[in-house]
Structures are given as C-alpha cells and as structure tokens.
Amino acid sequence: MEQVAELIKKSQAGDRQARDKLIADNLGLVYSVVARFAGRGHDREELVQIGSIGLIKAINTFNTGKNIKLATYASRCIENEILMYLRRNSKTKME
C-alpha cells in the first residue's frame, strides 16, 4: 500500500516511469471492467482503449489523503469513462 502511495506521489509530481508502472500494474482492472460491457455488442479493444483513458485520469486525479484504495477509485473512473463513451455513441447512432 505504501509503495502505491509513493508511486502516486511521484506520478503526480511528473515522474513518467512511476505513472507507467501504475498503469501497467492496474491494466488488469481495465480488462475486468470491460468484461462487464463485452456482451453488449461493443468492440472489446475499443472499450479497453477507452477504459485505459479512465485509468490514466484516475491516476492523475487520485487523492491519497482520502481513505480509499486506488483500485476502487480507478474502477469507478474506468466505468464512468466507458459509460460516457457508450452514451455519446448511442446518441450519434440515433441521429
């Protein structure tokens, strides 16, 4: 837990290696969230890309002062990013 907090602090200070390690360590989380949306006729790889954007946003905005784990916060950010993408695409399909 302390190692993750240290990586987050370094990442938010501009350390790209720390950010890349956090992304690599939590990429499995993206795949698990995408699995929930996979059976709905959407391109899995596209959802992984969108989910990865959510993961990066989570890492950039995570607050270590709050009593929450990065994985919990990141999974919510990933899910929100995917839902925004799906809503945006459903509106353009309807038009």
PDB file of N, CA and C in Angstrom:
ATOM      1  N   MET A   1       0.817  -1.198   0.000  1.00  0.00           N
ATOM      2  CA  MET A   1       0.000   0.000   0.000  1.00  0.00           C
ATOM      3  C   MET A   1       0.860   1.262   0.000  1.00  0.00           C
ATOM      4  N   GLU A   2       1.908   1.256   0.805  1.00  0.00           N
ATOM      5  CA  GLU A   2       2.799   2.415   0.853  1.00  0.00           C
ATOM      6  C   GLU A   2       3.521   2.614  -0.468  1.00  0.00           C
ATOM      7  N   GLN A   3       3.849   1.496  -1.130  1.00  0.00           N
ATOM      8  CA  GLN A   3       4.529   1.585  -2.419  1.00  0.00           C
ATOM      9  C   GLN A   3       3.619   2.246  -3.454  1.00  0.00           C
ATOM     10  N   VAL A   4       2.344   1.913  -3.440  1.00  0.00           N
ATOM     11  CA  VAL A   4       1.389   2.515  -4.368  1.00  0.00           C
ATOM     12  C   VAL A   4       1.263   4.008  -4.085  1.00  0.00           C
ATOM     13  N   ALA A   5       1.177   4.374  -2.821  1.00  0.00           N
ATOM     14  CA  ALA A   5       1.076   5.790  -2.449  1.00  0.00           C
ATOM     15  C   ALA A   5       2.308   6.561  -2.908  1.00  0.00           C
ATOM     16  N   GLU A   6       3.472   5.951  -2.771  1.00  0.00           N
ATOM     17  CA  GLU A   6       4.711   6.593  -3.213  1.00  0.00           C
ATOM     18  C   GLU A   6       4.721   6.771  -4.734  1.00  0.00           C
ATOM     19  N   LEU A   7       4.289   5.735  -5.450  1.00  0.00           N
ATOM     20  CA  LEU A   7       4.218   5.824  -6.918  1.00  0.00           C
ATOM     21  C   LEU A   7       3.234   6.897  -7.355  1.00  0.00           C
ATOM     22  N   ILE A   8       2.130   7.017  -6.652  1.00  0.00           N
ATOM     23  CA  ILE A   8       1.139   8.039  -6.996  1.00  0.00           C
ATOM     24  C   ILE A   8       1.715   9.435  -6.790  1.00  0.00           C
ATOM     25  N   LYS A   9       2.394   9.638  -5.677  1.00  0.00           N
ATOM     26  CA  LYS A   9       3.007  10.944  -5.408  1.00  0.00           C
ATOM     27  C   LYS A   9       4.032  11.293  -6.483  1.00  0.00           C
ATOM     28  N   LYS A  10       4.872  10.321  -6.838  1.00  0.00           N
ATOM     29  CA  LYS A  10       5.876  10.551  -7.879  1.00  0.00           C
ATOM     30  C   LYS A  10       5.205  10.848  -9.217  1.00  0.00           C
ATOM     31  N   SER A  11       4.166  10.084  -9.529  1.00  0.00           N
ATOM     32  CA  SER A  11       3.454  10.261 -10.790  1.00  0.00           C
ATOM     33  C   SER A  11       2.840  11.650 -10.882  1.00  0.00           C
ATOM     34  N   GLN A  12       2.209  12.092  -9.814  1.00  0.00           N
ATOM     35  CA  GLN A  12       1.578  13.407  -9.824  1.00  0.00           C
ATOM     36  C   GLN A  12       2.594  14.541  -9.799  1.00  0.00           C
ATOM     37  N   ALA A  13       3.832  14.216  -9.430  1.00  0.00           N
ATOM     38  CA  ALA A  13       4.910  15.210  -9.474  1.00  0.00           C
ATOM     39  C   ALA A  13       5.563  15.255 -10.855  1.00  0.00           C
ATOM     40  N   GLY A  14       5.124  14.362 -11.760  1.00  0.00           N
ATOM     41  CA  GLY A  14       5.640  14.390 -13.127  1.00  0.00           C
ATOM     42  C   GLY A  14       6.550  13.227 -13.493  1.00  0.00           C
ATOM     43  N   ASP A  15       6.727  12.267 -12.624  1.00  0.00           N
ATOM     44  CA  ASP A  15       7.577  11.106 -12.909  1.00  0.00           C
ATOM     45  C   ASP A  15       6.834  10.142 -13.840  1.00  0.00           C
ATOM     46  N   ARG A  16       7.260  10.102 -15.102  1.00  0.00           N
ATOM     47  CA  ARG A  16       6.582   9.273 -16.108  1.00  0.00           C
ATOM     48  C   ARG A  16       6.770   7.780 -15.848  1.00  0.00           C
ATOM     49  N   GLN A  17       7.925   7.402 -15.302  1.00  0.00           N
ATOM     50  CA  GLN A  17       8.156   5.980 -15.014  1.00  0.00           C
ATOM     51  C   GLN A  17       7.206   5.485 -13.931  1.00  0.00           C
ATOM     52  N   ALA A  18       6.957   6.297 -12.932  1.00  0.00           N
ATOM     53  CA  ALA A  18       6.023   5.924 -11.862  1.00  0.00           C
ATOM     54  C   ALA A  18       4.615   5.806 -12.432  1.00  0.00           C
ATOM     55  N   ARG A  19       4.243   6.743 -13.292  1.00  0.00           N
ATOM     56  CA  ARG A  19       2.918   6.712 -13.924  1.00  0.00           C
ATOM     57  C   ARG A  19       2.760   5.472 -14.786  1.00  0.00           C
ATOM     58  N   ASP A  20       3.773   5.171 -15.581  1.00  0.00           N
ATOM     59  CA  ASP A  20       3.727   3.990 -16.443  1.00  0.00           C
ATOM     60  C   ASP A  20       3.628   2.705 -15.628  1.00  0.00           C
ATOM     61  N   LYS A  21       4.305   2.654 -14.496  1.00  0.00           N
ATOM     62  CA  LYS A  21       4.234   1.460 -13.643  1.00  0.00           C
ATOM     63  C   LYS A  21       2.840   1.309 -13.050  1.00  0.00           C
ATOM     64  N   LEU A  22       2.250   2.403 -12.613  1.00  0.00           N
ATOM     65  CA  LEU A  22       0.891   2.353 -12.082  1.00  0.00           C
ATOM     66  C   LEU A  22      -0.100   1.894 -13.148  1.00  0.00           C
ATOM     67  N   ILE A  23       0.076   2.382 -14.363  1.00  0.00           N
ATOM     68  CA  ILE A  23      -0.810   1.977 -15.460  1.00  0.00           C
ATOM     69  C   ILE A  23      -0.644   0.490 -15.737  1.00  0.00           C
ATOM     70  N   ALA A  24       0.591   0.040 -15.837  1.00  0.00           N
ATOM     71  CA  ALA A  24       0.853  -1.377 -16.122  1.00  0.00           C
ATOM     72  C   ALA A  24       0.320  -2.280 -15.010  1.00  0.00           C
ATOM     73  N   ASP A  25       0.489  -1.846 -13.765  1.00  0.00           N
ATOM     74  CA  ASP A  25       0.037  -2.652 -12.626  1.00  0.00           C
ATOM     75  C   ASP A  25      -1.480  -2.746 -12.544  1.00  0.00           C
ATOM     76  N   ASN A  26      -2.180  -1.763 -13.080  1.00  0.00           N
ATOM     77  CA  ASN A  26      -3.635  -1.719 -12.954  1.00  0.00           C
ATOM     78  C   ASN A  26      -4.376  -1.977 -14.263  1.00  0.00           C
ATOM     79  N   LEU A  27      -3.651  -2.395 -15.283  1.00  0.00           N
ATOM     80  CA  LEU A  27      -4.290  -2.657 -16.579  1.00  0.00           C
ATOM     81  C   LEU A  27      -5.275  -3.821 -16.497  1.00  0.00           C
ATOM     82  N   GLY A  28      -5.016  -4.771 -15.634  1.00  0.00           N
ATOM     83  CA  GLY A  28      -5.951  -5.880 -15.442  1.00  0.00           C
ATOM     84  C   GLY A  28      -7.307  -5.398 -14.957  1.00  0.00           C
ATOM     85  N   LEU A  29      -7.309  -4.315 -14.217  1.00  0.00           N
ATOM     86  CA  LEU A  29      -8.543  -3.718 -13.743  1.00  0.00           C
ATOM     87  C   LEU A  29      -9.388  -3.222 -14.926  1.00  0.00           C
ATOM     88  N   VAL A  30      -8.726  -2.657 -15.921  1.00  0.00           N
ATOM     89  CA  VAL A  30      -9.431  -2.201 -17.123  1.00  0.00           C
ATOM     90  C   VAL A  30     -10.118  -3.386 -17.795  1.00  0.00           C
ATOM     91  N   TYR A  31      -9.394  -4.488 -17.934  1.00  0.00           N
ATOM     92  CA  TYR A  31      -9.969  -5.660 -18.591  1.00  0.00           C
ATOM     93  C   TYR A  31     -11.149  -6.227 -17.808  1.00  0.00           C
ATOM     94  N   SER A  32     -11.080  -6.190 -16.493  1.00  0.00           N
ATOM     95  CA  SER A  32     -12.189  -6.720 -15.698  1.00  0.00           C
ATOM     96  C   SER A  32     -13.427  -5.838 -15.810  1.00  0.00           C
ATOM     97  N   VAL A  33     -13.239  -4.525 -15.872  1.00  0.00           N
ATOM     98  CA  VAL A  33     -14.385  -3.631 -16.045  1.00  0.00           C
ATOM     99  C   VAL A  33     -14.960  -3.786 -17.457  1.00  0.00           C
ATOM    100  N   VAL A  34     -14.102  -3.900 -18.447  1.00  0.00           N
ATOM    101  CA  VAL A  34     -14.556  -4.066 -19.837  1.00  0.00           C
ATOM    102  C   VAL A  34     -15.351  -5.363 -19.998  1.00  0.00           C
ATOM    103  N   ALA A  35     -14.985  -6.386 -19.248  1.00  0.00           N
ATOM    104  CA  ALA A  35     -15.687  -7.672 -19.343  1.00  0.00           C
ATOM    105  C   ALA A  35     -17.173  -7.516 -19.014  1.00  0.00           C
ATOM    106  N   ARG A  36     -17.511  -6.572 -18.170  1.00  0.00           N
ATOM    107  CA  ARG A  36     -18.917  -6.338 -17.831  1.00  0.00           C
ATOM    108  C   ARG A  36     -19.714  -5.788 -19.010  1.00  0.00           C
ATOM    109  N   PHE A  37     -19.035  -5.101 -19.938  1.00  0.00           N
ATOM    110  CA  PHE A  37     -19.699  -4.487 -21.075  1.00  0.00           C
ATOM    111  C   PHE A  37     -19.531  -5.290 -22.359  1.00  0.00           C
ATOM    112  N   ALA A  38     -18.729  -6.337 -22.340  1.00  0.00           N
ATOM    113  CA  ALA A  38     -18.339  -7.053 -23.555  1.00  0.00           C
ATOM    114  C   ALA A  38     -19.505  -7.746 -24.251  1.00  0.00           C
ATOM    115  N   GLY A  39     -20.464  -8.253 -23.526  1.00  0.00           N
ATOM    116  CA  GLY A  39     -21.548  -8.999 -24.136  1.00  0.00           C
ATOM    117  C   GLY A  39     -22.632  -8.151 -24.761  1.00  0.00           C
ATOM    118  N   ARG A  40     -22.420  -6.883 -24.888  1.00  0.00           N
ATOM    119  CA  ARG A  40     -23.462  -5.976 -25.383  1.00  0.00           C
ATOM    120  C   ARG A  40     -23.228  -5.512 -26.818  1.00  0.00           C
ATOM    121  N   GLY A  41     -22.373  -6.202 -27.541  1.00  0.00           N
ATOM    122  CA  GLY A  41     -22.162  -5.883 -28.952  1.00  0.00           C
ATOM    123  C   GLY A  41     -21.194  -4.753 -29.222  1.00  0.00           C
ATOM    124  N   HIS A  42     -20.352  -4.427 -28.275  1.00  0.00           N
ATOM    125  CA  HIS A  42     -19.368  -3.359 -28.477  1.00  0.00           C
ATOM    126  C   HIS A  42     -18.001  -3.978 -28.714  1.00  0.00           C
ATOM    127  N   ASP A  43     -17.170  -3.256 -29.453  1.00  0.00           N
ATOM    128  CA  ASP A  43     -15.819  -3.727 -29.747  1.00  0.00           C
ATOM    129  C   ASP A  43     -14.986  -3.719 -28.466  1.00  0.00           C
ATOM    130  N   ARG A  44     -14.513  -4.891 -28.097  1.00  0.00           N
ATOM    131  CA  ARG A  44     -13.775  -5.063 -26.848  1.00  0.00           C
ATOM    132  C   ARG A  44     -12.496  -4.223 -26.809  1.00  0.00           C
ATOM    133  N   GLU A  45     -11.747  -4.220 -27.893  1.00  0.00           N
ATOM    134  CA  GLU A  45     -10.487  -3.466 -27.924  1.00  0.00           C
ATOM    135  C   GLU A  45     -10.725  -1.962 -27.803  1.00  0.00           C
ATOM    136  N   GLU A  46     -11.797  -1.493 -28.400  1.00  0.00           N
ATOM    137  CA  GLU A  46     -12.123  -0.074 -28.301  1.00  0.00           C
ATOM    138  C   GLU A  46     -12.485   0.281 -26.853  1.00  0.00           C
ATOM    139  N   LEU A  47     -13.230  -0.607 -26.195  1.00  0.00           N
ATOM    140  CA  LEU A  47     -13.583  -0.372 -24.801  1.00  0.00           C
ATOM    141  C   LEU A  47     -12.348  -0.409 -23.901  1.00  0.00           C
ATOM    142  N   VAL A  48     -11.381  -1.262 -24.236  1.00  0.00           N
ATOM    143  CA  VAL A  48     -10.129  -1.304 -23.460  1.00  0.00           C
ATOM    144  C   VAL A  48      -9.379   0.017 -23.603  1.00  0.00           C
ATOM    145  N   GLN A  49      -9.361   0.566 -24.805  1.00  0.00           N
ATOM    146  CA  GLN A  49      -8.695   1.854 -25.010  1.00  0.00           C
ATOM    147  C   GLN A  49      -9.381   2.965 -24.218  1.00  0.00           C
ATOM    148  N   ILE A  50     -10.710   2.988 -24.265  1.00  0.00           N
ATOM    149  CA  ILE A  50     -11.461   3.993 -23.519  1.00  0.00           C
ATOM    150  C   ILE A  50     -11.255   3.790 -22.016  1.00  0.00           C
ATOM    151  N   GLY A  51     -11.268   2.539 -21.574  1.00  0.00           N
ATOM    152  CA  GLY A  51     -11.033   2.235 -20.166  1.00  0.00           C
ATOM    153  C   GLY A  51      -9.645   2.656 -19.717  1.00  0.00           C
ATOM    154  N   SER A  52      -8.673   2.513 -20.600  1.00  0.00           N
ATOM    155  CA  SER A  52      -7.302   2.928 -20.271  1.00  0.00           C
ATOM    156  C   SER A  52      -7.225   4.433 -20.053  1.00  0.00           C
ATOM    157  N   ILE A  53      -8.002   5.171 -20.818  1.00  0.00           N
ATOM    158  CA  ILE A  53      -8.066   6.625 -20.613  1.00  0.00           C
ATOM    159  C   ILE A  53      -8.630   6.917 -19.224  1.00  0.00           C
ATOM    160  N   GLY A  54      -9.657   6.172 -18.838  1.00  0.00           N
ATOM    161  CA  GLY A  54     -10.224   6.324 -17.497  1.00  0.00           C
ATOM    162  C   GLY A  54      -9.209   6.004 -16.414  1.00  0.00           C
ATOM    163  N   LEU A  55      -8.389   4.974 -16.645  1.00  0.00           N
ATOM    164  CA  LEU A  55      -7.344   4.608 -15.683  1.00  0.00           C
ATOM    165  C   LEU A  55      -6.316   5.726 -15.546  1.00  0.00           C
ATOM    166  N   ILE A  56      -5.909   6.301 -16.651  1.00  0.00           N
ATOM    167  CA  ILE A  56      -4.934   7.395 -16.623  1.00  0.00           C
ATOM    168  C   ILE A  56      -5.517   8.603 -15.884  1.00  0.00           C
ATOM    169  N   LYS A  57      -6.783   8.909 -16.157  1.00  0.00           N
ATOM    170  CA  LYS A  57      -7.428  10.022 -15.452  1.00  0.00           C
ATOM    171  C   LYS A  57      -7.483   9.740 -13.949  1.00  0.00           C
ATOM    172  N   ALA A  58      -7.759   8.491 -13.588  1.00  0.00           N
ATOM    173  CA  ALA A  58      -7.829   8.115 -12.173  1.00  0.00           C
ATOM    174  C   ALA A  58      -6.478   8.311 -11.498  1.00  0.00           C
ATOM    175  N   ILE A  59      -5.425   7.899 -12.159  1.00  0.00           N
ATOM    176  CA  ILE A  59      -4.082   8.044 -11.597  1.00  0.00           C
ATOM    177  C   ILE A  59      -3.720   9.524 -11.442  1.00  0.00           C
ATOM    178  N   ASN A  60      -4.116  10.333 -12.421  1.00  0.00           N
ATOM    179  CA  ASN A  60      -3.800  11.759 -12.371  1.00  0.00           C
ATOM    180  C   ASN A  60      -4.590  12.510 -11.300  1.00  0.00           C
ATOM    181  N   THR A  61      -5.788  12.032 -10.958  1.00  0.00           N
ATOM    182  CA  THR A  61      -6.644  12.775 -10.040  1.00  0.00           C
ATOM    183  C   THR A  61      -6.800  12.120  -8.679  1.00  0.00           C
ATOM    184  N   PHE A  62      -6.154  10.984  -8.455  1.00  0.00           N
ATOM    185  CA  PHE A  62      -6.320  10.261  -7.198  1.00  0.00           C
ATOM    186  C   PHE A  62      -5.785  11.077  -6.029  1.00  0.00           C
ATOM    187  N   ASN A  63      -6.542  11.088  -4.942  1.00  0.00           N
ATOM    188  CA  ASN A  63      -6.159  11.825  -3.735  1.00  0.00           C
ATOM    189  C   ASN A  63      -5.780  10.812  -2.657  1.00  0.00           C
ATOM    190  N   THR A  64      -4.505  10.769  -2.300  1.00  0.00           N
ATOM    191  CA  THR A  64      -4.039   9.809  -1.308  1.00  0.00           C
ATOM    192  C   THR A  64      -4.530  10.153   0.101  1.00  0.00           C
ATOM    193  N   GLY A  65      -4.993  11.364   0.306  1.00  0.00           N
ATOM    194  CA  GLY A  65      -5.467  11.775   1.624  1.00  0.00           C
ATOM    195  C   GLY A  65      -6.804  11.168   2.007  1.00  0.00           C
ATOM    196  N   LYS A  66      -7.560  10.741   1.019  1.00  0.00           N
ATOM    197  CA  LYS A  66      -8.853  10.129   1.320  1.00  0.00           C
ATOM    198  C   LYS A  66      -8.656   8.654   1.636  1.00  0.00           C
ATOM    199  N   ASN A  67      -9.526   8.094   2.404  1.00  0.00           N
ATOM    200  CA  ASN A  67      -9.397   6.707   2.840  1.00  0.00           C
ATOM    201  C   ASN A  67     -10.042   5.764   1.825  1.00  0.00           C
ATOM    202  N   ILE A  68      -9.422   5.663   0.639  1.00  0.00           N
ATOM    203  CA  ILE A  68      -9.930   4.808  -0.424  1.00  0.00           C
ATOM    204  C   ILE A  68      -8.747   4.234  -1.202  1.00  0.00           C
ATOM    205  N   LYS A  69      -8.905   3.031  -1.691  1.00  0.00           N
ATOM    206  CA  LYS A  69      -7.829   2.396  -2.459  1.00  0.00           C
ATOM    207  C   LYS A  69      -7.845   2.897  -3.898  1.00  0.00           C
ATOM    208  N   LEU A  70      -6.677   2.907  -4.516  1.00  0.00           N
ATOM    209  CA  LEU A  70      -6.570   3.329  -5.913  1.00  0.00           C
ATOM    210  C   LEU A  70      -7.436   2.443  -6.801  1.00  0.00           C
ATOM    211  N   ALA A  71      -7.435   1.140  -6.572  1.00  0.00           N
ATOM    212  CA  ALA A  71      -8.199   0.225  -7.419  1.00  0.00           C
ATOM    213  C   ALA A  71      -9.695   0.525  -7.374  1.00  0.00           C
ATOM    214  N   THR A  72     -10.202   0.874  -6.216  1.00  0.00           N
ATOM    215  CA  THR A  72     -11.622   1.210  -6.074  1.00  0.00           C
ATOM    216  C   THR A  72     -11.944   2.480  -6.852  1.00  0.00           C
ATOM    217  N   TYR A  73     -11.114   3.488  -6.669  1.00  0.00           N
ATOM    218  CA  TYR A  73     -11.308   4.762  -7.359  1.00  0.00           C
ATOM    219  C   TYR A  73     -11.145   4.585  -8.862  1.00  0.00           C
ATOM    220  N   ALA A  74     -10.111   3.857  -9.264  1.00  0.00           N
ATOM    221  CA  ALA A  74      -9.830   3.668 -10.685  1.00  0.00           C
ATOM    222  C   ALA A  74     -10.937   2.886 -11.378  1.00  0.00           C
ATOM    223  N   SER A  75     -11.473   1.859 -10.733  1.00  0.00           N
ATOM    224  CA  SER A  75     -12.533   1.075 -11.375  1.00  0.00           C
ATOM    225  C   SER A  75     -13.752   1.947 -11.634  1.00  0.00           C
ATOM    226  N   ARG A  76     -14.040   2.854 -10.725  1.00  0.00           N
ATOM    227  CA  ARG A  76     -15.171   3.771 -10.928  1.00  0.00           C
ATOM    228  C   ARG A  76     -14.882   4.738 -12.077  1.00  0.00           C
ATOM    229  N   CYS A  77     -13.670   5.251 -12.154  1.00  0.00           N
ATOM    230  CA  CYS A  77     -13.296   6.164 -13.239  1.00  0.00           C
ATOM    231  C   CYS A  77     -13.325   5.456 -14.587  1.00  0.00           C
ATOM    232  N   ILE A  78     -12.846   4.227 -14.620  1.00  0.00           N
ATOM    233  CA  ILE A  78     -12.848   3.434 -15.853  1.00  0.00           C
ATOM    234  C   ILE A  78     -14.286   3.206 -16.313  1.00  0.00           C
ATOM    235  N   GLU A  79     -15.128   2.800 -15.389  1.00  0.00           N
ATOM    236  CA  GLU A  79     -16.532   2.552 -15.720  1.00  0.00           C
ATOM    237  C   GLU A  79     -17.213   3.830 -16.212  1.00  0.00           C
ATOM    238  N   ASN A  80     -16.967   4.934 -15.555  1.00  0.00           N
ATOM    239  CA  ASN A  80     -17.558   6.204 -15.974  1.00  0.00           C
ATOM    240  C   ASN A  80     -17.107   6.602 -17.368  1.00  0.00           C
ATOM    241  N   GLU A  81     -15.848   6.411 -17.665  1.00  0.00           N
ATOM    242  CA  GLU A  81     -15.321   6.760 -18.985  1.00  0.00           C
ATOM    243  C   GLU A  81     -15.985   5.913 -20.064  1.00  0.00           C
ATOM    244  N   ILE A  82     -16.148   4.627 -19.808  1.00  0.00           N
ATOM    245  CA  ILE A  82     -16.800   3.726 -20.765  1.00  0.00           C
ATOM    246  C   ILE A  82     -18.267   4.115 -20.945  1.00  0.00           C
ATOM    247  N   LEU A  83     -18.957   4.411 -19.843  1.00  0.00           N
ATOM    248  CA  LEU A  83     -20.364   4.803 -19.928  1.00  0.00           C
ATOM    249  C   LEU A  83     -20.537   6.105 -20.709  1.00  0.00           C
ATOM    250  N   MET A  84     -19.643   7.071 -20.513  1.00  0.00           N
ATOM    251  CA  MET A  84     -19.708   8.320 -21.284  1.00  0.00           C
ATOM    252  C   MET A  84     -19.525   8.038 -22.766  1.00  0.00           C
ATOM    253  N   TYR A  85     -18.589   7.165 -23.086  1.00  0.00           N
ATOM    254  CA  TYR A  85     -18.336   6.794 -24.482  1.00  0.00           C
ATOM    255  C   TYR A  85     -19.575   6.122 -25.093  1.00  0.00           C
ATOM    256  N   LEU A  86     -20.179   5.198 -24.356  1.00  0.00           N
ATOM    257  CA  LEU A  86     -21.351   4.485 -24.872  1.00  0.00           C
ATOM    258  C   LEU A  86     -22.532   5.438 -25.058  1.00  0.00           C
ATOM    259  N   ARG A  87     -22.733   6.355 -24.139  1.00  0.00           N
ATOM    260  CA  ARG A  87     -23.804   7.341 -24.281  1.00  0.00           C
ATOM    261  C   ARG A  87     -23.576   8.234 -25.494  1.00  0.00           C
ATOM    262  N   ARG A  88     -22.353   8.675 -25.671  1.00  0.00           N
ATOM    263  CA  ARG A  88     -22.009   9.523 -26.791  1.00  0.00           C
ATOM    264  C   ARG A  88     -22.260   8.805 -28.106  1.00  0.00           C
ATOM    265  N   ASN A  89     -21.890   7.538 -28.159  1.00  0.00           N
ATOM    266  CA  ASN A  89     -22.075   6.771 -29.396  1.00  0.00           C
ATOM    267  C   ASN A  89     -23.534   6.432 -29.647  1.00  0.00           C
ATOM    268  N   SER A  90     -24.317   6.198 -28.618  1.00  0.00           N
ATOM    269  CA  SER A  90     -25.728   5.860 -28.819  1.00  0.00           C
ATOM    270  C   SER A  90     -26.484   7.072 -29.359  1.00  0.00           C
ATOM    271  N   LYS A  91     -26.100   8.272 -28.960  1.00  0.00           N
ATOM    272  CA  LYS A  91     -26.752   9.484 -29.481  1.00  0.00           C
ATOM    273  C   LYS A  91     -26.440   9.669 -30.962  1.00  0.00           C
ATOM    274  N   THR A  92     -25.191   9.405 -31.364  1.00  0.00           N
ATOM    275  CA  THR A  92     -24.840   9.588 -32.772  1.00  0.00           C
ATOM    276  C   THR A  92     -25.467   8.493 -33.630  1.00  0.00           C
ATOM    277  N   LYS A  93     -25.663   7.302 -33.104  1.00  0.00           N
ATOM    278  CA  LYS A  93     -26.325   6.244 -33.865  1.00  0.00           C
ATOM    279  C   LYS A  93     -27.790   6.573 -34.090  1.00  0.00           C
ATOM    280  N   MET A  94     -28.428   7.190 -33.099  1.00  0.00           N
ATOM    281  CA  MET A  94     -29.832   7.516 -33.202  1.00  0.00           C
ATOM    282  C   MET A  94     -30.062   8.609 -34.247  1.00  0.00           C
ATOM    283  N   GLU A  95     -29.107   9.522 -34.393  1.00  0.00           N
ATOM    284  CA  GLU A  95     -29.233  10.603 -35.365  1.00  0.00           C
ATOM    285  C   GLU A  95     -29.037  10.049 -36.757  1.00  0.00           C
TER     286      GLU A  95
END
